[in-house]
């Protein structure tokens, strides 16, 4: 049995909203529990809702306190390293899209040069100096990266980089 598509907006019926909240909260807590077991890392959840007077703490108050204390002892830079607001997220998405666009442009230029070379268009009167300069720049960058990698391997870095 498939699920129907959910529109992400406030559920107007209070009873349905309460049931949805309970089910999704239980699912979220189950996922956090699985994460702590499978990855062996500490995690906690603090959930405020209109259905209870105080916050719900998972797994218990002592674990939540110890993790919050551990977080507060970190330098501010580390505390906020992965925090993003909407503006930061959009800026990161724009930067990633620009990088992908540049890679695609370089690939397209290389393909055009390859086609021109294959059809012997480089011999004609066509001015390809800009494309050739860009291709030479790409080759230079790749060459420098290879030289740096060889130096790193000679200095003792692992041959295969894990990312």
N, C-alpha and C. Protein backbone atom coordinates (compact mmCIF):
# COMPACT_ATOMS: atom_id res chain seq x y z
N UNK A 1 0.84 -1.18 0.00
CA UNK A 1 0.00 0.00 0.00
C UNK A 1 0.88 1.24 0.00
N UNK A 2 0.70 2.10 -0.97
CA UNK A 2 1.53 3.30 -1.10
C UNK A 2 1.06 4.43 -0.21
N UNK A 3 1.90 5.40 -0.07
CA UNK A 3 1.55 6.58 0.71
C UNK A 3 1.10 7.69 -0.23
N UNK A 4 0.20 8.50 0.26
CA UNK A 4 -0.23 9.63 -0.56
C UNK A 4 0.73 10.79 -0.33
N UNK A 5 0.76 11.67 -1.28
CA UNK A 5 1.66 12.82 -1.20
C UNK A 5 1.21 13.76 -0.10
N UNK A 6 2.16 14.22 0.70
CA UNK A 6 1.87 15.11 1.82
C UNK A 6 2.20 16.54 1.41
N UNK A 7 1.24 17.42 1.61
CA UNK A 7 1.52 18.84 1.39
C UNK A 7 2.04 19.41 2.71
N UNK A 8 3.13 20.10 2.65
CA UNK A 8 3.77 20.61 3.87
C UNK A 8 3.16 21.95 4.25
N UNK A 9 2.08 21.85 5.00
CA UNK A 9 1.43 23.04 5.54
C UNK A 9 0.75 22.61 6.84
N UNK A 10 0.35 23.57 7.61
CA UNK A 10 -0.27 23.30 8.90
C UNK A 10 -1.54 22.47 8.71
N UNK A 11 -1.66 21.40 9.51
CA UNK A 11 -2.85 20.56 9.46
C UNK A 11 -3.93 21.27 10.27
N UNK A 12 -5.05 21.55 9.63
CA UNK A 12 -6.08 22.37 10.28
C UNK A 12 -6.85 21.61 11.36
N UNK A 13 -7.09 20.33 11.16
CA UNK A 13 -7.85 19.54 12.13
C UNK A 13 -6.95 19.19 13.32
N UNK A 14 -7.36 19.63 14.53
CA UNK A 14 -6.53 19.42 15.72
C UNK A 14 -6.27 17.95 16.02
N UNK A 15 -7.27 17.11 15.89
CA UNK A 15 -7.10 15.68 16.19
C UNK A 15 -6.10 15.05 15.22
N UNK A 16 -6.24 15.37 13.95
CA UNK A 16 -5.32 14.82 12.93
C UNK A 16 -3.90 15.35 13.17
N UNK A 17 -3.80 16.64 13.52
CA UNK A 17 -2.49 17.23 13.80
C UNK A 17 -1.82 16.54 14.98
N UNK A 18 -2.59 16.26 16.03
CA UNK A 18 -2.04 15.60 17.22
C UNK A 18 -1.55 14.19 16.88
N UNK A 19 -2.34 13.45 16.11
CA UNK A 19 -1.95 12.09 15.73
C UNK A 19 -0.70 12.13 14.84
N UNK A 20 -0.67 13.05 13.89
CA UNK A 20 0.49 13.19 13.01
C UNK A 20 1.73 13.56 13.80
N UNK A 21 1.58 14.49 14.75
CA UNK A 21 2.70 14.88 15.59
C UNK A 21 3.24 13.68 16.36
N UNK A 22 2.35 12.92 16.98
CA UNK A 22 2.77 11.78 17.79
C UNK A 22 3.50 10.75 16.93
N UNK A 23 2.95 10.44 15.77
CA UNK A 23 3.57 9.43 14.90
C UNK A 23 4.93 9.91 14.39
N UNK A 24 5.00 11.14 13.95
CA UNK A 24 6.27 11.65 13.43
C UNK A 24 7.31 11.81 14.52
N UNK A 25 6.87 12.21 15.71
CA UNK A 25 7.79 12.32 16.84
C UNK A 25 8.34 10.94 17.18
N UNK A 26 7.48 9.94 17.23
CA UNK A 26 7.93 8.57 17.51
C UNK A 26 8.91 8.09 16.44
N UNK A 27 8.63 8.41 15.18
CA UNK A 27 9.53 8.03 14.10
C UNK A 27 10.89 8.72 14.21
N UNK A 28 10.86 10.00 14.56
CA UNK A 28 12.09 10.75 14.73
C UNK A 28 12.93 10.18 15.87
N UNK A 29 12.29 9.90 17.00
CA UNK A 29 13.01 9.34 18.14
C UNK A 29 13.56 7.95 17.83
N UNK A 30 12.82 7.18 17.06
CA UNK A 30 13.29 5.85 16.65
C UNK A 30 14.56 6.00 15.80
N UNK A 31 14.55 6.96 14.86
CA UNK A 31 15.73 7.20 14.01
C UNK A 31 16.93 7.64 14.84
N UNK A 32 16.71 8.51 15.81
CA UNK A 32 17.81 8.96 16.67
C UNK A 32 18.36 7.78 17.46
N UNK A 33 17.48 6.93 17.97
CA UNK A 33 17.92 5.75 18.71
C UNK A 33 18.75 4.83 17.82
N UNK A 34 18.29 4.60 16.58
CA UNK A 34 19.04 3.76 15.64
C UNK A 34 20.40 4.37 15.35
N UNK A 35 20.45 5.68 15.20
CA UNK A 35 21.71 6.36 14.93
C UNK A 35 22.70 6.16 16.08
N UNK A 36 22.22 6.28 17.30
CA UNK A 36 23.10 6.12 18.46
C UNK A 36 23.61 4.68 18.56
N UNK A 37 22.77 3.72 18.23
CA UNK A 37 23.17 2.31 18.32
C UNK A 37 24.11 1.95 17.17
N UNK A 38 23.74 2.27 15.94
CA UNK A 38 24.51 1.85 14.78
C UNK A 38 25.85 2.57 14.66
N UNK A 39 25.88 3.83 15.02
CA UNK A 39 27.10 4.63 14.85
C UNK A 39 27.87 4.81 16.15
N UNK A 40 27.29 4.39 17.26
CA UNK A 40 27.97 4.48 18.54
C UNK A 40 28.28 5.91 18.96
N UNK A 41 27.33 6.80 18.73
CA UNK A 41 27.57 8.18 19.12
C UNK A 41 26.45 8.66 20.03
N UNK A 42 26.76 9.63 20.87
CA UNK A 42 25.72 10.15 21.76
C UNK A 42 24.80 11.11 21.02
N UNK A 43 23.53 11.07 21.34
CA UNK A 43 22.56 11.99 20.74
C UNK A 43 21.42 12.21 21.72
N UNK A 44 20.74 13.32 21.55
CA UNK A 44 19.58 13.60 22.40
C UNK A 44 18.59 14.42 21.59
N UNK A 45 17.38 14.54 22.13
CA UNK A 45 16.35 15.34 21.49
C UNK A 45 15.59 16.10 22.58
N UNK A 46 15.26 17.33 22.26
CA UNK A 46 14.42 18.16 23.12
C UNK A 46 13.25 18.60 22.26
N UNK A 47 12.05 18.19 22.63
CA UNK A 47 10.88 18.49 21.80
C UNK A 47 9.85 19.25 22.63
N UNK A 48 9.52 20.44 22.16
CA UNK A 48 8.46 21.23 22.77
C UNK A 48 7.21 21.05 21.91
N UNK A 49 6.08 20.90 22.57
CA UNK A 49 4.82 20.81 21.83
C UNK A 49 3.71 21.44 22.64
N UNK A 50 2.63 21.71 21.95
CA UNK A 50 1.46 22.28 22.64
C UNK A 50 0.68 21.20 23.39
N UNK A 51 1.10 19.96 23.25
CA UNK A 51 0.36 18.85 23.86
C UNK A 51 0.89 18.48 25.24
N UNK A 52 2.03 19.01 25.63
CA UNK A 52 2.59 18.75 26.96
C UNK A 52 3.02 20.08 27.56
N UNK A 53 3.03 20.13 28.90
CA UNK A 53 3.39 21.37 29.58
C UNK A 53 4.87 21.71 29.42
N UNK A 54 5.74 20.74 29.56
CA UNK A 54 7.18 21.00 29.46
C UNK A 54 7.76 20.30 28.24
N UNK A 55 9.05 20.43 28.07
CA UNK A 55 9.68 19.75 26.93
C UNK A 55 9.77 18.24 27.16
N UNK A 56 9.76 17.50 26.05
CA UNK A 56 10.02 16.06 26.13
C UNK A 56 11.50 15.87 25.87
N UNK A 57 12.16 15.12 26.72
CA UNK A 57 13.59 14.90 26.60
C UNK A 57 13.84 13.44 26.25
N UNK A 58 14.71 13.21 25.27
CA UNK A 58 15.07 11.85 24.91
C UNK A 58 16.58 11.73 24.94
N UNK A 59 17.17 10.73 25.47
CA UNK A 59 16.61 9.57 26.14
C UNK A 59 16.21 9.86 27.59
N UNK A 60 16.97 10.76 28.26
CA UNK A 60 16.57 11.16 29.61
C UNK A 60 17.27 12.48 29.96
N UNK A 61 16.88 13.06 31.06
CA UNK A 61 17.38 14.38 31.46
C UNK A 61 18.90 14.39 31.64
N UNK A 62 19.46 13.36 32.25
CA UNK A 62 20.91 13.33 32.50
C UNK A 62 21.72 13.33 31.21
N UNK A 63 21.30 12.54 30.23
CA UNK A 63 22.02 12.48 28.95
C UNK A 63 21.90 13.83 28.24
N UNK A 64 20.71 14.41 28.24
CA UNK A 64 20.52 15.71 27.59
C UNK A 64 21.41 16.76 28.24
N UNK A 65 21.43 16.80 29.56
CA UNK A 65 22.28 17.78 30.27
C UNK A 65 23.75 17.59 29.93
N UNK A 66 24.22 16.33 29.94
CA UNK A 66 25.64 16.09 29.68
C UNK A 66 26.01 16.48 28.25
N UNK A 67 25.14 16.21 27.28
CA UNK A 67 25.44 16.58 25.90
C UNK A 67 25.39 18.09 25.70
N UNK A 68 24.43 18.77 26.32
CA UNK A 68 24.38 20.22 26.22
C UNK A 68 25.59 20.87 26.91
N UNK A 69 26.03 20.28 28.00
CA UNK A 69 27.23 20.79 28.69
C UNK A 69 28.44 20.61 27.79
N UNK A 70 28.52 19.44 27.16
CA UNK A 70 29.64 19.15 26.24
C UNK A 70 29.64 20.14 25.07
N UNK A 71 28.46 20.44 24.55
CA UNK A 71 28.35 21.40 23.45
C UNK A 71 28.75 22.80 23.90
N UNK A 72 28.30 23.20 25.08
CA UNK A 72 28.60 24.55 25.55
C UNK A 72 30.07 24.75 25.88
N UNK A 73 30.81 23.66 26.13
CA UNK A 73 32.23 23.76 26.44
C UNK A 73 33.08 23.92 25.18
N UNK A 74 32.50 23.65 24.03
CA UNK A 74 33.23 23.81 22.77
C UNK A 74 33.41 25.29 22.45
N UNK A 75 34.45 25.64 21.70
CA UNK A 75 34.57 27.03 21.24
C UNK A 75 33.38 27.37 20.34
N UNK A 76 33.04 28.64 20.29
CA UNK A 76 31.87 29.09 19.53
C UNK A 76 31.99 28.70 18.06
N UNK A 77 33.21 28.75 17.50
CA UNK A 77 33.40 28.39 16.10
C UNK A 77 32.97 26.95 15.84
N UNK A 78 33.33 26.05 16.76
CA UNK A 78 32.96 24.64 16.58
C UNK A 78 31.48 24.42 16.85
N UNK A 79 30.92 25.17 17.77
CA UNK A 79 29.49 25.02 18.07
C UNK A 79 28.64 25.39 16.86
N UNK A 80 29.06 26.40 16.14
CA UNK A 80 28.24 26.92 15.05
C UNK A 80 28.75 26.53 13.66
N UNK A 81 29.73 25.64 13.61
CA UNK A 81 30.36 25.28 12.33
C UNK A 81 29.34 24.80 11.30
N UNK A 82 28.41 23.97 11.69
CA UNK A 82 27.46 23.39 10.74
C UNK A 82 26.07 24.02 10.82
N UNK A 83 25.95 25.09 11.59
CA UNK A 83 24.66 25.76 11.69
C UNK A 83 24.47 26.69 10.50
N UNK A 84 23.28 26.68 9.92
CA UNK A 84 22.98 27.55 8.79
C UNK A 84 21.59 28.11 8.95
N UNK A 85 21.45 29.36 8.55
CA UNK A 85 20.11 29.90 8.43
C UNK A 85 19.75 29.83 6.95
N UNK A 86 18.59 30.31 6.60
CA UNK A 86 18.11 30.21 5.22
C UNK A 86 19.07 30.91 4.25
N UNK A 87 19.59 32.06 4.66
CA UNK A 87 20.49 32.82 3.79
C UNK A 87 21.78 32.04 3.54
N UNK A 88 22.37 31.47 4.61
CA UNK A 88 23.59 30.69 4.46
C UNK A 88 23.38 29.49 3.55
N UNK A 89 22.24 28.82 3.73
CA UNK A 89 21.94 27.65 2.92
C UNK A 89 21.82 28.03 1.44
N UNK A 90 21.13 29.12 1.16
CA UNK A 90 20.98 29.55 -0.23
C UNK A 90 22.32 29.95 -0.83
N UNK A 91 23.16 30.65 -0.06
CA UNK A 91 24.49 31.02 -0.55
C UNK A 91 25.33 29.80 -0.86
N UNK A 92 25.26 28.79 -0.01
CA UNK A 92 26.01 27.55 -0.25
C UNK A 92 25.49 26.85 -1.50
N UNK A 93 24.19 26.81 -1.66
CA UNK A 93 23.61 26.19 -2.85
C UNK A 93 24.03 26.94 -4.12
N UNK A 94 24.08 28.26 -4.05
CA UNK A 94 24.49 29.07 -5.20
C UNK A 94 25.96 28.81 -5.53
N UNK A 95 26.81 28.75 -4.50
CA UNK A 95 28.23 28.47 -4.73
C UNK A 95 28.42 27.09 -5.37
N UNK A 96 27.71 26.09 -4.86
CA UNK A 96 27.81 24.74 -5.42
C UNK A 96 27.34 24.72 -6.87
N UNK A 97 26.27 25.43 -7.16
CA UNK A 97 25.76 25.49 -8.54
C UNK A 97 26.76 26.19 -9.45
N UNK A 98 27.42 27.25 -8.96
CA UNK A 98 28.43 27.94 -9.77
C UNK A 98 29.61 27.02 -10.07
N UNK A 99 30.02 26.24 -9.07
CA UNK A 99 31.12 25.29 -9.29
C UNK A 99 30.74 24.25 -10.34
N UNK A 100 29.52 23.72 -10.23
CA UNK A 100 29.07 22.73 -11.22
C UNK A 100 29.00 23.35 -12.61
N UNK A 101 28.54 24.60 -12.68
CA UNK A 101 28.46 25.30 -13.96
C UNK A 101 29.85 25.48 -14.57
N UNK A 102 30.83 25.88 -13.76
CA UNK A 102 32.19 26.05 -14.27
C UNK A 102 32.75 24.73 -14.79
N UNK A 103 32.51 23.64 -14.05
CA UNK A 103 32.98 22.32 -14.51
C UNK A 103 32.32 21.96 -15.83
N UNK A 104 31.05 22.24 -15.93
CA UNK A 104 30.32 21.93 -17.16
C UNK A 104 30.83 22.77 -18.32
N UNK A 105 31.13 24.04 -18.07
CA UNK A 105 31.68 24.91 -19.11
C UNK A 105 33.04 24.39 -19.58
N UNK A 106 33.88 23.97 -18.62
CA UNK A 106 35.19 23.44 -19.00
C UNK A 106 35.04 22.16 -19.82
N UNK A 107 34.12 21.33 -19.42
CA UNK A 107 33.88 20.09 -20.16
C UNK A 107 33.39 20.40 -21.57
N UNK A 108 32.48 21.35 -21.69
CA UNK A 108 31.95 21.73 -23.00
C UNK A 108 33.05 22.29 -23.89
N UNK A 109 33.93 23.14 -23.32
CA UNK A 109 35.04 23.69 -24.09
C UNK A 109 35.95 22.57 -24.59
N UNK A 110 36.23 21.63 -23.71
CA UNK A 110 37.09 20.52 -24.11
C UNK A 110 36.45 19.69 -25.22
N UNK A 111 35.15 19.49 -25.12
CA UNK A 111 34.45 18.73 -26.15
C UNK A 111 34.49 19.48 -27.48
N UNK A 112 34.27 20.80 -27.44
CA UNK A 112 34.32 21.60 -28.67
C UNK A 112 35.69 21.53 -29.32
N UNK A 113 36.73 21.65 -28.48
CA UNK A 113 38.09 21.57 -29.03
C UNK A 113 38.35 20.20 -29.64
N UNK A 114 37.87 19.16 -28.97
CA UNK A 114 38.02 17.81 -29.50
C UNK A 114 37.33 17.64 -30.83
N UNK A 115 36.12 18.18 -30.93
CA UNK A 115 35.39 18.10 -32.20
C UNK A 115 36.09 18.90 -33.29
N UNK A 116 36.59 20.08 -32.91
CA UNK A 116 37.29 20.89 -33.90
C UNK A 116 38.55 20.19 -34.38
N UNK A 117 39.27 19.58 -33.45
CA UNK A 117 40.50 18.87 -33.83
C UNK A 117 40.18 17.66 -34.69
N UNK A 118 39.10 16.95 -34.35
CA UNK A 118 38.72 15.76 -35.11
C UNK A 118 38.28 16.11 -36.52
N UNK A 119 37.67 17.27 -36.69
CA UNK A 119 37.20 17.65 -38.03
C UNK A 119 38.21 18.55 -38.75
N UNK A 120 39.41 18.68 -38.16
CA UNK A 120 40.48 19.50 -38.74
C UNK A 120 40.07 20.95 -38.90
N UNK A 121 39.16 21.46 -38.09
CA UNK A 121 38.78 22.87 -38.15
C UNK A 121 39.86 23.78 -37.57
N UNK A 122 40.82 23.20 -36.85
CA UNK A 122 41.86 24.01 -36.25
C UNK A 122 42.80 24.58 -37.31
N UNK A 123 42.81 23.95 -38.46
CA UNK A 123 43.71 24.38 -39.52
C UNK A 123 43.13 25.56 -40.29
N UNK A 124 41.83 25.69 -40.28
CA UNK A 124 41.18 26.75 -41.06
C UNK A 124 41.45 28.12 -40.46
N UNK A 125 40.84 29.11 -41.00
CA UNK A 125 41.05 30.49 -40.55
C UNK A 125 40.32 30.82 -39.24
N UNK A 126 39.63 29.84 -38.65
CA UNK A 126 38.88 30.09 -37.43
C UNK A 126 39.83 30.49 -36.30
N UNK A 127 39.47 31.54 -35.58
CA UNK A 127 40.30 31.99 -34.45
C UNK A 127 39.92 31.18 -33.21
N UNK A 128 40.79 30.28 -32.82
CA UNK A 128 40.53 29.41 -31.66
C UNK A 128 41.44 29.77 -30.50
N UNK A 129 42.04 30.93 -30.55
CA UNK A 129 43.04 31.27 -29.55
C UNK A 129 42.45 31.29 -28.14
N UNK A 130 41.22 31.77 -28.00
CA UNK A 130 40.60 31.82 -26.67
C UNK A 130 40.36 30.42 -26.13
N UNK A 131 39.81 29.54 -26.98
CA UNK A 131 39.56 28.16 -26.55
C UNK A 131 40.85 27.44 -26.23
N UNK A 132 41.87 27.67 -27.06
CA UNK A 132 43.16 27.02 -26.83
C UNK A 132 43.81 27.53 -25.54
N UNK A 133 43.67 28.81 -25.26
CA UNK A 133 44.22 29.36 -24.01
C UNK A 133 43.51 28.77 -22.81
N UNK A 134 42.20 28.62 -22.90
CA UNK A 134 41.45 28.01 -21.79
C UNK A 134 41.82 26.54 -21.62
N UNK A 135 41.99 25.84 -22.74
CA UNK A 135 42.39 24.44 -22.67
C UNK A 135 43.77 24.31 -22.05
N UNK A 136 44.68 25.22 -22.44
CA UNK A 136 46.02 25.20 -21.86
C UNK A 136 45.97 25.48 -20.36
N UNK A 137 45.08 26.36 -19.95
CA UNK A 137 44.92 26.66 -18.53
C UNK A 137 44.44 25.43 -17.77
N UNK A 138 43.49 24.71 -18.35
CA UNK A 138 42.99 23.48 -17.72
C UNK A 138 44.11 22.46 -17.61
N UNK A 139 44.88 22.30 -18.66
CA UNK A 139 45.99 21.34 -18.66
C UNK A 139 47.01 21.74 -17.60
N UNK A 140 47.32 23.03 -17.50
CA UNK A 140 48.26 23.50 -16.48
C UNK A 140 47.77 23.20 -15.07
N UNK A 141 46.49 23.44 -14.81
CA UNK A 141 45.91 23.15 -13.48
C UNK A 141 46.01 21.68 -13.16
N UNK A 142 45.66 20.84 -14.12
CA UNK A 142 45.74 19.38 -13.91
C UNK A 142 47.18 18.96 -13.66
N UNK A 143 48.12 19.54 -14.42
CA UNK A 143 49.53 19.21 -14.28
C UNK A 143 50.03 19.59 -12.89
N UNK A 144 49.67 20.79 -12.42
CA UNK A 144 50.07 21.23 -11.09
C UNK A 144 49.50 20.33 -10.00
N UNK A 145 48.23 19.92 -10.18
CA UNK A 145 47.61 19.02 -9.19
C UNK A 145 48.33 17.68 -9.14
N UNK A 146 48.73 17.19 -10.30
CA UNK A 146 49.46 15.91 -10.35
C UNK A 146 50.82 16.04 -9.68
N UNK A 147 51.52 17.13 -9.94
CA UNK A 147 52.83 17.36 -9.32
C UNK A 147 52.68 17.43 -7.79
N UNK A 148 51.67 18.17 -7.31
CA UNK A 148 51.43 18.28 -5.86
C UNK A 148 51.12 16.92 -5.25
N UNK A 149 50.34 16.13 -5.96
CA UNK A 149 49.98 14.80 -5.45
C UNK A 149 51.22 13.90 -5.38
N UNK A 150 52.09 13.98 -6.39
CA UNK A 150 53.32 13.18 -6.38
C UNK A 150 54.19 13.58 -5.19
N UNK A 151 54.31 14.90 -4.94
CA UNK A 151 55.09 15.37 -3.80
C UNK A 151 54.50 14.86 -2.49
N UNK A 152 53.18 14.89 -2.39
CA UNK A 152 52.52 14.43 -1.16
C UNK A 152 52.75 12.93 -0.94
N UNK A 153 52.67 12.14 -2.00
CA UNK A 153 52.89 10.70 -1.87
C UNK A 153 54.34 10.43 -1.49
N UNK A 154 55.27 11.17 -2.08
CA UNK A 154 56.68 10.99 -1.72
C UNK A 154 56.94 11.38 -0.27
N UNK A 155 56.15 12.33 0.25
CA UNK A 155 56.31 12.77 1.64
C UNK A 155 55.64 11.82 2.62
N UNK A 156 54.94 10.80 2.11
CA UNK A 156 54.35 9.81 3.01
C UNK A 156 52.85 9.81 3.06
N UNK A 157 52.17 10.62 2.28
CA UNK A 157 50.71 10.62 2.26
C UNK A 157 50.22 9.31 1.63
N UNK A 158 49.05 8.84 2.01
CA UNK A 158 48.54 7.61 1.40
C UNK A 158 48.31 7.79 -0.09
N UNK A 159 48.49 6.72 -0.83
CA UNK A 159 48.35 6.78 -2.28
C UNK A 159 46.91 7.07 -2.67
N UNK A 160 45.97 6.39 -2.02
CA UNK A 160 44.54 6.61 -2.29
C UNK A 160 43.99 7.58 -1.27
N UNK A 161 43.44 8.69 -1.73
CA UNK A 161 42.81 9.65 -0.83
C UNK A 161 41.38 9.22 -0.58
N UNK A 162 40.95 9.26 0.68
CA UNK A 162 39.56 8.94 1.01
C UNK A 162 38.84 10.22 1.31
N UNK A 163 37.71 10.44 0.60
CA UNK A 163 36.95 11.68 0.78
C UNK A 163 35.56 11.39 1.19
